[in-house]
Amino acid sequence: MLKLWRLSVAIIGSVSLSLLAYWQLSANSQEHPGCFMVDKGGELIDLSLLCPSPAEPEEPTLGTGDVQVTLRWSTADDLDLAVKDPSGEIVSYQQSEIASGGELDVDSNAGCGQTTTNPVENVFWPTGGAPTGEYEVQVNLFQRCNNSSGPIEYTVTLLVKGNSETKTGTVDDNNSTVTIPLSVREATE
């Protein structure tokens, strides 16, 4: 098995060296970003299938419990998630923990620093800790990053005592805040 592996590496290496001898690596990367080579005729050869692409970081572990509200979107902009509990206290980036047990445990693209294009924000109340009553979920376009424009599509997943519901919508410069009602009822046995 080891001999077969060494033979494969030797064959791939010699084929790669043969290709390198044929093609010139003289392209200016600022003119043509990506993974490519330039042949002797000056034509670009796309090598993106051979080059590794930088992977987006995996989604962080999200807190969960009786109530979990998760916001996802796919731009580098800074959207914010805020949840008002039945007593009127608000969990947000300004106050990440409140007396009723609500907690903001993930805040992506905050202030346009360390941005990702698969951001997530998450607010939750631990099992046995969510008060019953009416909640208010807010999605807010806090800041545009990278000179973006146009509407930003989002998805909010509401998980209440094991029951999941998904809401979708958009925010933009003219409609920067969207409010979604959420009810938490006593468990019936």
N, C-alpha and C. Protein backbone atom coordinates (compact mmCIF):
# COMPACT_ATOMS: atom_id res chain seq x y z
N MET A 1 0.83 -1.19 0.00
CA MET A 1 0.00 0.00 0.00
C MET A 1 0.87 1.25 0.00
N LEU A 2 1.93 1.26 0.82
CA LEU A 2 2.83 2.40 0.89
C LEU A 2 3.52 2.63 -0.45
N LYS A 3 3.92 1.53 -1.13
CA LYS A 3 4.58 1.67 -2.43
C LYS A 3 3.62 2.30 -3.45
N LEU A 4 2.35 1.88 -3.42
CA LEU A 4 1.35 2.43 -4.33
C LEU A 4 1.17 3.93 -4.07
N TRP A 5 1.14 4.33 -2.82
CA TRP A 5 0.99 5.74 -2.47
C TRP A 5 2.19 6.53 -2.97
N ARG A 6 3.42 6.01 -2.76
CA ARG A 6 4.62 6.71 -3.23
C ARG A 6 4.63 6.82 -4.75
N LEU A 7 4.18 5.77 -5.43
CA LEU A 7 4.12 5.80 -6.88
C LEU A 7 3.13 6.87 -7.36
N SER A 8 1.97 6.96 -6.69
CA SER A 8 0.97 7.97 -7.04
C SER A 8 1.52 9.37 -6.85
N VAL A 9 2.21 9.60 -5.73
CA VAL A 9 2.79 10.91 -5.46
C VAL A 9 3.84 11.24 -6.52
N ALA A 10 4.66 10.24 -6.89
CA ALA A 10 5.70 10.47 -7.90
C ALA A 10 5.09 10.81 -9.26
N ILE A 11 4.03 10.11 -9.63
CA ILE A 11 3.38 10.37 -10.92
C ILE A 11 2.75 11.75 -10.92
N ILE A 12 2.01 12.08 -9.86
CA ILE A 12 1.37 13.39 -9.78
C ILE A 12 2.43 14.49 -9.78
N GLY A 13 3.50 14.29 -9.04
CA GLY A 13 4.58 15.28 -8.99
C GLY A 13 5.22 15.49 -10.34
N SER A 14 5.49 14.40 -11.08
CA SER A 14 6.14 14.57 -12.38
C SER A 14 5.20 15.19 -13.40
N VAL A 15 3.91 14.87 -13.34
CA VAL A 15 2.94 15.50 -14.25
C VAL A 15 2.85 16.99 -13.94
N SER A 16 2.82 17.36 -12.64
CA SER A 16 2.75 18.76 -12.25
C SER A 16 3.98 19.51 -12.74
N LEU A 17 5.17 18.91 -12.59
CA LEU A 17 6.39 19.56 -13.05
C LEU A 17 6.39 19.71 -14.57
N SER A 18 5.85 18.72 -15.27
CA SER A 18 5.76 18.83 -16.72
C SER A 18 4.85 19.99 -17.12
N LEU A 19 3.73 20.12 -16.43
CA LEU A 19 2.82 21.22 -16.72
C LEU A 19 3.48 22.56 -16.42
N LEU A 20 4.20 22.64 -15.31
CA LEU A 20 4.87 23.88 -14.96
C LEU A 20 5.93 24.25 -15.99
N ALA A 21 6.57 23.27 -16.55
CA ALA A 21 7.58 23.55 -17.57
C ALA A 21 6.92 24.10 -18.83
N TYR A 22 5.69 23.68 -19.11
CA TYR A 22 4.99 24.13 -20.31
C TYR A 22 4.39 25.53 -20.13
N TRP A 23 3.78 25.77 -18.94
CA TRP A 23 3.12 27.04 -18.69
C TRP A 23 4.03 28.00 -17.94
N GLN A 24 3.82 29.27 -18.17
CA GLN A 24 4.54 30.29 -17.43
C GLN A 24 3.67 30.79 -16.29
N LEU A 25 4.28 31.12 -15.17
CA LEU A 25 3.54 31.64 -14.02
C LEU A 25 3.76 33.15 -13.91
N SER A 26 3.56 33.87 -15.00
CA SER A 26 3.93 35.28 -15.02
C SER A 26 2.75 36.24 -14.90
N ALA A 27 1.54 35.77 -14.61
CA ALA A 27 0.39 36.66 -14.54
C ALA A 27 0.45 37.54 -13.30
N ASN A 28 0.00 38.75 -13.43
CA ASN A 28 -0.07 39.66 -12.30
C ASN A 28 -1.35 39.35 -11.54
N SER A 29 -1.23 38.91 -10.28
CA SER A 29 -2.40 38.46 -9.53
C SER A 29 -3.39 39.59 -9.24
N GLN A 30 -2.95 40.84 -9.26
CA GLN A 30 -3.90 41.92 -9.04
C GLN A 30 -4.75 42.16 -10.28
N GLU A 31 -4.24 41.81 -11.43
CA GLU A 31 -5.02 41.95 -12.65
C GLU A 31 -6.02 40.80 -12.80
N HIS A 32 -5.63 39.61 -12.36
CA HIS A 32 -6.46 38.41 -12.50
C HIS A 32 -6.41 37.61 -11.21
N PRO A 33 -7.21 37.98 -10.20
CA PRO A 33 -7.17 37.23 -8.95
C PRO A 33 -7.73 35.82 -9.16
N GLY A 34 -7.24 34.86 -8.41
CA GLY A 34 -7.73 33.50 -8.47
C GLY A 34 -6.60 32.53 -8.68
N CYS A 35 -6.97 31.33 -9.05
CA CYS A 35 -6.02 30.25 -9.25
C CYS A 35 -5.95 29.95 -10.74
N PHE A 36 -4.82 30.29 -11.36
CA PHE A 36 -4.70 30.15 -12.80
C PHE A 36 -3.23 30.08 -13.18
N MET A 37 -3.00 29.77 -14.43
CA MET A 37 -1.67 29.82 -15.04
C MET A 37 -1.82 30.50 -16.39
N VAL A 38 -0.72 30.97 -16.92
CA VAL A 38 -0.72 31.58 -18.24
C VAL A 38 0.14 30.70 -19.14
N ASP A 39 -0.44 30.28 -20.28
CA ASP A 39 0.34 29.44 -21.20
C ASP A 39 1.27 30.32 -22.04
N LYS A 40 2.08 29.68 -22.86
CA LYS A 40 3.08 30.42 -23.65
C LYS A 40 2.43 31.40 -24.62
N GLY A 41 1.17 31.18 -24.96
CA GLY A 41 0.47 32.09 -25.86
C GLY A 41 -0.18 33.26 -25.12
N GLY A 42 -0.03 33.31 -23.80
CA GLY A 42 -0.60 34.39 -23.01
C GLY A 42 -2.03 34.16 -22.58
N GLU A 43 -2.55 32.95 -22.82
CA GLU A 43 -3.93 32.64 -22.43
C GLU A 43 -3.98 32.19 -20.96
N LEU A 44 -5.02 32.65 -20.25
CA LEU A 44 -5.22 32.23 -18.87
C LEU A 44 -5.81 30.82 -18.83
N ILE A 45 -5.26 29.97 -17.99
CA ILE A 45 -5.77 28.62 -17.78
C ILE A 45 -6.32 28.57 -16.36
N ASP A 46 -7.63 28.34 -16.23
CA ASP A 46 -8.28 28.29 -14.92
C ASP A 46 -7.90 27.01 -14.21
N LEU A 47 -7.33 27.12 -13.01
CA LEU A 47 -6.94 25.96 -12.21
C LEU A 47 -7.75 25.88 -10.92
N SER A 48 -8.90 26.51 -10.88
CA SER A 48 -9.67 26.57 -9.63
C SER A 48 -10.07 25.20 -9.11
N LEU A 49 -10.20 24.21 -9.99
CA LEU A 49 -10.53 22.87 -9.52
C LEU A 49 -9.38 22.22 -8.76
N LEU A 50 -8.16 22.66 -9.02
CA LEU A 50 -6.99 22.09 -8.37
C LEU A 50 -6.57 22.85 -7.12
N CYS A 51 -7.02 24.08 -6.98
CA CYS A 51 -6.58 24.92 -5.87
C CYS A 51 -7.60 24.87 -4.74
N PRO A 52 -7.11 24.79 -3.53
CA PRO A 52 -8.06 24.81 -2.41
C PRO A 52 -8.64 26.21 -2.25
N SER A 53 -9.92 26.26 -1.92
CA SER A 53 -10.55 27.55 -1.68
C SER A 53 -10.67 27.75 -0.17
N PRO A 54 -10.55 28.98 0.28
CA PRO A 54 -10.66 29.21 1.72
C PRO A 54 -12.08 28.89 2.17
N ALA A 55 -12.20 28.08 3.18
CA ALA A 55 -13.51 27.66 3.67
C ALA A 55 -14.04 28.68 4.67
N GLU A 56 -15.35 28.88 4.65
CA GLU A 56 -15.98 29.72 5.65
C GLU A 56 -15.88 29.00 6.99
N PRO A 57 -15.70 29.74 8.05
CA PRO A 57 -15.65 29.09 9.35
C PRO A 57 -16.98 28.40 9.67
N GLU A 58 -16.89 27.34 10.44
CA GLU A 58 -18.11 26.64 10.83
C GLU A 58 -18.94 27.51 11.76
N GLU A 59 -20.24 27.26 11.75
CA GLU A 59 -21.13 28.02 12.63
C GLU A 59 -20.77 27.71 14.08
N PRO A 60 -20.75 28.73 14.94
CA PRO A 60 -20.43 28.48 16.34
C PRO A 60 -21.53 27.66 17.01
N THR A 61 -21.20 27.07 18.13
CA THR A 61 -22.19 26.34 18.92
C THR A 61 -23.17 27.35 19.50
N LEU A 62 -24.46 27.08 19.32
CA LEU A 62 -25.50 28.01 19.76
C LEU A 62 -26.14 27.52 21.04
N GLY A 63 -26.39 28.44 21.97
CA GLY A 63 -27.12 28.10 23.17
C GLY A 63 -28.57 27.78 22.83
N THR A 64 -29.18 26.91 23.61
CA THR A 64 -30.56 26.53 23.35
C THR A 64 -31.26 26.25 24.67
N GLY A 65 -32.56 26.10 24.62
CA GLY A 65 -33.35 25.85 25.81
C GLY A 65 -34.83 25.91 25.48
N ASP A 66 -35.65 26.43 26.43
CA ASP A 66 -37.09 26.54 26.20
C ASP A 66 -37.40 27.47 25.03
N VAL A 67 -36.63 28.55 24.92
CA VAL A 67 -36.80 29.52 23.84
C VAL A 67 -35.43 29.76 23.20
N GLN A 68 -35.39 29.68 21.88
CA GLN A 68 -34.18 29.99 21.12
C GLN A 68 -34.60 30.76 19.88
N VAL A 69 -33.98 31.91 19.65
CA VAL A 69 -34.24 32.74 18.48
C VAL A 69 -32.91 32.90 17.75
N THR A 70 -32.87 32.44 16.50
CA THR A 70 -31.63 32.46 15.74
C THR A 70 -31.83 33.23 14.44
N LEU A 71 -30.95 34.20 14.20
CA LEU A 71 -30.97 35.03 13.00
C LEU A 71 -29.81 34.62 12.10
N ARG A 72 -30.10 34.40 10.82
CA ARG A 72 -29.06 34.10 9.83
C ARG A 72 -29.28 34.97 8.59
N TRP A 73 -28.18 35.37 7.97
CA TRP A 73 -28.22 36.11 6.70
C TRP A 73 -26.93 35.81 5.96
N SER A 74 -26.80 36.29 4.74
CA SER A 74 -25.64 35.87 3.93
C SER A 74 -24.88 37.04 3.32
N THR A 75 -24.72 38.12 4.11
CA THR A 75 -23.87 39.22 3.68
C THR A 75 -22.92 39.55 4.82
N ALA A 76 -21.94 40.39 4.54
CA ALA A 76 -20.99 40.82 5.57
C ALA A 76 -21.53 41.98 6.40
N ASP A 77 -22.77 42.41 6.15
CA ASP A 77 -23.36 43.52 6.89
C ASP A 77 -23.61 43.13 8.35
N ASP A 78 -23.75 44.15 9.19
CA ASP A 78 -24.00 43.93 10.61
C ASP A 78 -25.49 44.05 10.91
N LEU A 79 -26.17 42.90 10.95
CA LEU A 79 -27.56 42.87 11.42
C LEU A 79 -27.51 42.56 12.91
N ASP A 80 -28.51 43.04 13.63
CA ASP A 80 -28.59 42.75 15.06
C ASP A 80 -29.92 42.11 15.40
N LEU A 81 -29.85 41.19 16.35
CA LEU A 81 -31.02 40.50 16.88
C LEU A 81 -31.26 41.01 18.29
N ALA A 82 -32.50 41.37 18.58
CA ALA A 82 -32.90 41.77 19.93
C ALA A 82 -34.21 41.07 20.25
N VAL A 83 -34.35 40.63 21.50
CA VAL A 83 -35.59 39.98 21.93
C VAL A 83 -36.04 40.62 23.24
N LYS A 84 -37.30 41.12 23.21
CA LYS A 84 -37.90 41.69 24.42
C LYS A 84 -38.72 40.61 25.11
N ASP A 85 -38.47 40.37 26.40
CA ASP A 85 -39.21 39.36 27.14
C ASP A 85 -40.54 39.94 27.64
N PRO A 86 -41.43 39.11 28.24
CA PRO A 86 -42.74 39.60 28.67
C PRO A 86 -42.70 40.73 29.68
N SER A 87 -41.60 40.87 30.44
CA SER A 87 -41.51 41.96 31.42
C SER A 87 -40.98 43.26 30.80
N GLY A 88 -40.58 43.21 29.54
CA GLY A 88 -40.10 44.41 28.86
C GLY A 88 -38.58 44.52 28.78
N GLU A 89 -37.86 43.60 29.41
CA GLU A 89 -36.39 43.62 29.31
C GLU A 89 -35.95 43.15 27.93
N ILE A 90 -34.87 43.73 27.42
CA ILE A 90 -34.41 43.42 26.07
C ILE A 90 -33.02 42.81 26.10
N VAL A 91 -32.90 41.64 25.46
CA VAL A 91 -31.60 41.00 25.24
C VAL A 91 -31.11 41.48 23.88
N SER A 92 -29.90 42.06 23.84
CA SER A 92 -29.33 42.54 22.59
C SER A 92 -27.82 42.68 22.77
N TYR A 93 -27.14 43.21 21.75
CA TYR A 93 -25.70 43.42 21.89
C TYR A 93 -25.40 44.42 23.01
N GLN A 94 -26.36 45.29 23.33
CA GLN A 94 -26.16 46.28 24.39
C GLN A 94 -26.28 45.68 25.78
N GLN A 95 -27.08 44.63 25.91
CA GLN A 95 -27.26 43.93 27.18
C GLN A 95 -27.41 42.45 26.85
N SER A 96 -26.32 41.72 26.91
CA SER A 96 -26.31 40.33 26.42
C SER A 96 -26.95 39.34 27.39
N GLU A 97 -27.20 39.73 28.63
CA GLU A 97 -27.89 38.86 29.59
C GLU A 97 -28.90 39.70 30.36
N ILE A 98 -30.09 39.13 30.61
CA ILE A 98 -31.11 39.83 31.38
C ILE A 98 -31.59 38.95 32.52
N ALA A 99 -32.32 39.56 33.47
CA ALA A 99 -32.72 38.89 34.71
C ALA A 99 -33.58 37.64 34.48
N SER A 100 -34.39 37.62 33.43
CA SER A 100 -35.27 36.47 33.19
C SER A 100 -34.51 35.26 32.65
N GLY A 101 -33.21 35.42 32.39
CA GLY A 101 -32.39 34.29 31.91
C GLY A 101 -32.05 34.35 30.43
N GLY A 102 -32.59 35.33 29.73
CA GLY A 102 -32.29 35.46 28.31
C GLY A 102 -30.84 35.86 28.09
N GLU A 103 -30.23 35.30 27.04
CA GLU A 103 -28.82 35.56 26.77
C GLU A 103 -28.55 35.61 25.27
N LEU A 104 -27.82 36.64 24.83
CA LEU A 104 -27.28 36.71 23.47
C LEU A 104 -25.91 36.06 23.54
N ASP A 105 -25.75 34.89 22.92
CA ASP A 105 -24.47 34.19 23.02
C ASP A 105 -23.63 34.25 21.75
N VAL A 106 -24.22 34.67 20.62
CA VAL A 106 -23.47 34.81 19.38
C VAL A 106 -23.89 36.12 18.70
N ASP A 107 -22.90 36.95 18.36
CA ASP A 107 -23.14 38.25 17.72
C ASP A 107 -22.15 38.38 16.58
N SER A 108 -22.58 38.10 15.35
CA SER A 108 -21.69 38.10 14.18
C SER A 108 -21.60 39.47 13.52
N ASN A 109 -20.46 39.71 12.88
CA ASN A 109 -20.20 40.92 12.08
C ASN A 109 -20.36 42.20 12.89
N ALA A 110 -20.16 42.11 14.22
CA ALA A 110 -20.34 43.26 15.10
C ALA A 110 -19.42 44.41 14.69
N GLY A 111 -20.02 45.55 14.40
CA GLY A 111 -19.25 46.73 14.03
C GLY A 111 -18.43 46.55 12.76
N CYS A 112 -18.83 45.59 11.92
CA CYS A 112 -18.14 45.29 10.66
C CYS A 112 -16.72 44.78 10.88
N GLY A 113 -16.43 44.26 12.06
CA GLY A 113 -15.13 43.67 12.33
C GLY A 113 -15.22 42.16 12.20
N GLN A 114 -14.20 41.53 11.71
CA GLN A 114 -14.15 40.08 11.52
C GLN A 114 -15.44 39.58 10.88
N THR A 115 -15.74 40.11 9.70
CA THR A 115 -17.00 39.76 9.04
C THR A 115 -16.92 38.40 8.37
N THR A 116 -18.08 37.81 8.24
CA THR A 116 -18.26 36.55 7.54
C THR A 116 -19.49 36.69 6.66
N THR A 117 -19.59 35.87 5.63
CA THR A 117 -20.77 35.92 4.77
C THR A 117 -21.77 34.81 5.10
N ASN A 118 -21.56 34.16 6.25
CA ASN A 118 -22.57 33.24 6.77
C ASN A 118 -22.78 33.52 8.26
N PRO A 119 -23.14 34.80 8.58
CA PRO A 119 -23.26 35.19 9.98
C PRO A 119 -24.50 34.62 10.66
N VAL A 120 -24.42 34.59 11.98
CA VAL A 120 -25.53 34.11 12.81
C VAL A 120 -25.53 34.89 14.12
N GLU A 121 -26.73 35.15 14.63
CA GLU A 121 -26.89 35.71 15.97
C GLU A 121 -27.91 34.83 16.68
N ASN A 122 -27.75 34.69 18.00
CA ASN A 122 -28.57 33.75 18.74
C ASN A 122 -28.90 34.28 20.13
N VAL A 123 -30.19 34.22 20.48
CA VAL A 123 -30.67 34.55 21.83
C VAL A 123 -31.43 33.34 22.33
N PHE A 124 -31.22 33.00 23.61
CA PHE A 124 -31.92 31.84 24.16
C PHE A 124 -32.22 32.02 25.64
N TRP A 125 -33.20 31.25 26.11
CA TRP A 125 -33.50 31.11 27.53
C TRP A 125 -33.29 29.64 27.85
N PRO A 126 -32.53 29.31 28.90
CA PRO A 126 -32.25 27.90 29.21
C PRO A 126 -33.53 27.12 29.54
N THR A 127 -33.43 25.82 29.44
CA THR A 127 -34.55 24.94 29.76
C THR A 127 -35.06 25.23 31.17
N GLY A 128 -36.37 25.42 31.26
CA GLY A 128 -37.00 25.71 32.55
C GLY A 128 -36.89 27.16 32.96
N GLY A 129 -36.31 28.02 32.11
CA GLY A 129 -36.07 29.40 32.51
C GLY A 129 -36.84 30.46 31.76
N ALA A 130 -37.54 30.11 30.70
CA ALA A 130 -38.22 31.12 29.89
C ALA A 130 -39.57 31.48 30.50
N PRO A 131 -39.80 32.77 30.79
CA PRO A 131 -41.11 33.16 31.30
C PRO A 131 -42.19 33.03 30.22
N THR A 132 -43.41 32.72 30.64
CA THR A 132 -44.52 32.65 29.69
C THR A 132 -44.97 34.07 29.38
N GLY A 133 -45.58 34.22 28.21
CA GLY A 133 -46.11 35.51 27.82
C GLY A 133 -45.69 35.90 26.41
N GLU A 134 -45.82 37.18 26.12
CA GLU A 134 -45.57 37.70 24.78
C GLU A 134 -44.15 38.28 24.68
N TYR A 135 -43.43 37.83 23.68
CA TYR A 135 -42.08 38.31 23.39
C TYR A 135 -42.14 39.11 22.09
N GLU A 136 -41.11 39.91 21.87
CA GLU A 136 -41.00 40.67 20.63
C GLU A 136 -39.58 40.50 20.10
N VAL A 137 -39.47 39.95 18.88
CA VAL A 137 -38.18 39.73 18.23
C VAL A 137 -37.95 40.87 17.25
N GLN A 138 -36.76 41.46 17.27
CA GLN A 138 -36.43 42.52 16.32
C GLN A 138 -35.17 42.16 15.55
N VAL A 139 -35.25 42.34 14.23
CA VAL A 139 -34.10 42.23 13.34
C VAL A 139 -33.80 43.65 12.87
N ASN A 140 -32.56 44.09 13.06
CA ASN A 140 -32.20 45.46 12.75
C ASN A 140 -30.95 45.52 11.87
N LEU A 141 -31.03 46.30 10.80
CA LEU A 141 -29.85 46.59 10.00
C LEU A 141 -29.07 47.65 10.75
N PHE A 142 -28.06 47.23 11.49
CA PHE A 142 -27.29 48.15 12.33
C PHE A 142 -26.27 48.94 11.51
N GLN A 143 -25.54 48.23 10.62
CA GLN A 143 -24.50 48.91 9.85
C GLN A 143 -24.22 48.17 8.56
N ARG A 144 -24.09 48.93 7.48
CA ARG A 144 -23.65 48.37 6.20
C ARG A 144 -22.13 48.21 6.25
N CYS A 145 -21.65 47.13 5.72
CA CYS A 145 -20.22 46.88 5.65
C CYS A 145 -19.81 46.72 4.19
N ASN A 146 -18.59 47.05 3.86
CA ASN A 146 -18.06 46.88 2.50
C ASN A 146 -18.87 47.61 1.44
N ASN A 147 -19.44 48.77 1.79
CA ASN A 147 -20.19 49.60 0.83
C ASN A 147 -21.32 48.85 0.14
N SER A 148 -21.97 47.94 0.83
CA SER A 148 -23.07 47.18 0.23
C SER A 148 -24.31 48.05 0.09
N SER A 149 -25.26 47.57 -0.70
CA SER A 149 -26.53 48.27 -0.88
C SER A 149 -27.60 47.25 -1.21
N GLY A 150 -28.83 47.70 -1.21
CA GLY A 150 -29.95 46.82 -1.54
C GLY A 150 -30.48 46.08 -0.32
N PRO A 151 -31.59 45.36 -0.50
CA PRO A 151 -32.18 44.62 0.61
C PRO A 151 -31.31 43.44 1.04
N ILE A 152 -31.37 43.14 2.33
CA ILE A 152 -30.64 42.01 2.90
C ILE A 152 -31.66 40.98 3.36
N GLU A 153 -31.62 39.80 2.76
CA GLU A 153 -32.54 38.73 3.14
C GLU A 153 -32.05 38.08 4.43
N TYR A 154 -32.99 37.73 5.30
CA TYR A 154 -32.64 37.07 6.55
C TYR A 154 -33.63 35.93 6.82
N THR A 155 -33.22 35.05 7.71
CA THR A 155 -34.08 33.98 8.21
C THR A 155 -33.99 33.99 9.73
N VAL A 156 -35.15 33.97 10.39
CA VAL A 156 -35.20 33.86 11.84
C VAL A 156 -35.86 32.53 12.16
N THR A 157 -35.18 31.73 12.96
CA THR A 157 -35.74 30.46 13.43
C THR A 157 -36.16 30.64 14.87
N LEU A 158 -37.44 30.36 15.14
CA LEU A 158 -38.01 30.47 16.48
C LEU A 158 -38.22 29.06 17.02
N LEU A 159 -37.54 28.71 18.08
CA LEU A 159 -37.69 27.40 18.70
C LEU A 159 -38.28 27.61 20.09
N VAL A 160 -39.52 27.16 20.28
CA VAL A 160 -40.21 27.34 21.55
C VAL A 160 -40.64 25.98 22.07
N LYS A 161 -40.01 25.55 23.15
CA LYS A 161 -40.33 24.28 23.81
C LYS A 161 -40.43 23.13 22.81
N GLY A 162 -39.45 23.06 21.91
CA GLY A 162 -39.36 21.96 20.95
C GLY A 162 -40.07 22.19 19.63
N ASN A 163 -40.87 23.23 19.51
CA ASN A 163 -41.58 23.54 18.27
C ASN A 163 -40.84 24.64 17.51
N SER A 164 -40.52 24.35 16.25
CA SER A 164 -39.73 25.28 15.45
C SER A 164 -40.59 25.94 14.38
N GLU A 165 -40.33 27.23 14.16
CA GLU A 165 -41.00 27.99 13.12
C GLU A 165 -39.96 28.90 12.47
N THR A 166 -40.02 29.04 11.15
CA THR A 166 -39.05 29.86 10.42
C THR A 166 -39.76 31.05 9.80
N LYS A 167 -39.17 32.22 9.98
CA LYS A 167 -39.68 33.46 9.39
C LYS A 167 -38.58 34.02 8.49
N THR A 168 -38.97 34.53 7.32
CA THR A 168 -38.01 35.14 6.42
C THR A 168 -38.46 36.56 6.09
N GLY A 169 -37.52 37.37 5.68
CA GLY A 169 -37.85 38.73 5.32
C GLY A 169 -36.62 39.46 4.83
N THR A 170 -36.75 40.78 4.70
CA THR A 170 -35.62 41.61 4.29
C THR A 170 -35.59 42.88 5.14
N VAL A 171 -34.39 43.42 5.28
CA VAL A 171 -34.20 44.75 5.84
C VAL A 171 -33.37 45.54 4.84
N ASP A 172 -33.54 46.85 4.85
CA ASP A 172 -32.74 47.71 3.98
C ASP A 172 -32.66 49.09 4.63
N ASP A 173 -32.08 50.05 3.92
CA ASP A 173 -31.88 51.38 4.49
C ASP A 173 -33.19 52.10 4.79
N ASN A 174 -34.25 51.80 4.05
CA ASN A 174 -35.54 52.44 4.27
C ASN A 174 -36.41 51.70 5.29
N ASN A 175 -36.17 50.42 5.48
CA ASN A 175 -36.91 49.58 6.41
C ASN A 175 -35.89 48.79 7.22
N SER A 176 -35.23 49.49 8.16
CA SER A 176 -34.07 48.90 8.83
C SER A 176 -34.41 47.99 10.00
N THR A 177 -35.65 48.03 10.50
CA THR A 177 -36.02 47.18 11.63
C THR A 177 -37.33 46.45 11.34
N VAL A 178 -37.32 45.16 11.59
CA VAL A 178 -38.52 44.33 11.42
C VAL A 178 -38.81 43.69 12.77
N THR A 179 -40.09 43.68 13.16
CA THR A 179 -40.52 43.11 14.43
C THR A 179 -41.36 41.86 14.19
N ILE A 180 -41.07 40.81 14.95
CA ILE A 180 -41.78 39.53 14.84
C ILE A 180 -42.32 39.16 16.22
N PRO A 181 -43.64 38.95 16.35
CA PRO A 181 -44.18 38.56 17.65
C PRO A 181 -43.89 37.08 17.95
N LEU A 182 -43.77 36.77 19.23
CA LEU A 182 -43.49 35.41 19.68
C LEU A 182 -44.24 35.18 20.99
N SER A 183 -45.02 34.08 21.07
CA SER A 183 -45.76 33.75 22.28
C SER A 183 -45.19 32.51 22.92
N VAL A 184 -45.03 32.55 24.24
CA VAL A 184 -44.61 31.37 25.00
C VAL A 184 -45.71 31.08 26.00
N ARG A 185 -46.32 29.91 25.84
CA ARG A 185 -47.47 29.51 26.68
C ARG A 185 -47.03 28.48 27.71
N GLU A 186 -47.86 28.35 28.75
CA GLU A 186 -47.65 27.30 29.75
C GLU A 186 -47.76 25.94 29.06
N ALA A 187 -46.95 25.01 29.48
CA ALA A 187 -47.04 23.65 28.93
C ALA A 187 -48.33 23.02 29.44
N THR A 188 -49.07 22.37 28.53
CA THR A 188 -50.29 21.66 28.92
C THR A 188 -50.01 20.17 28.94
N GLU A 189 -50.49 19.52 29.96
CA GLU A 189 -50.22 18.09 30.07
C GLU A 189 -51.45 17.27 29.87
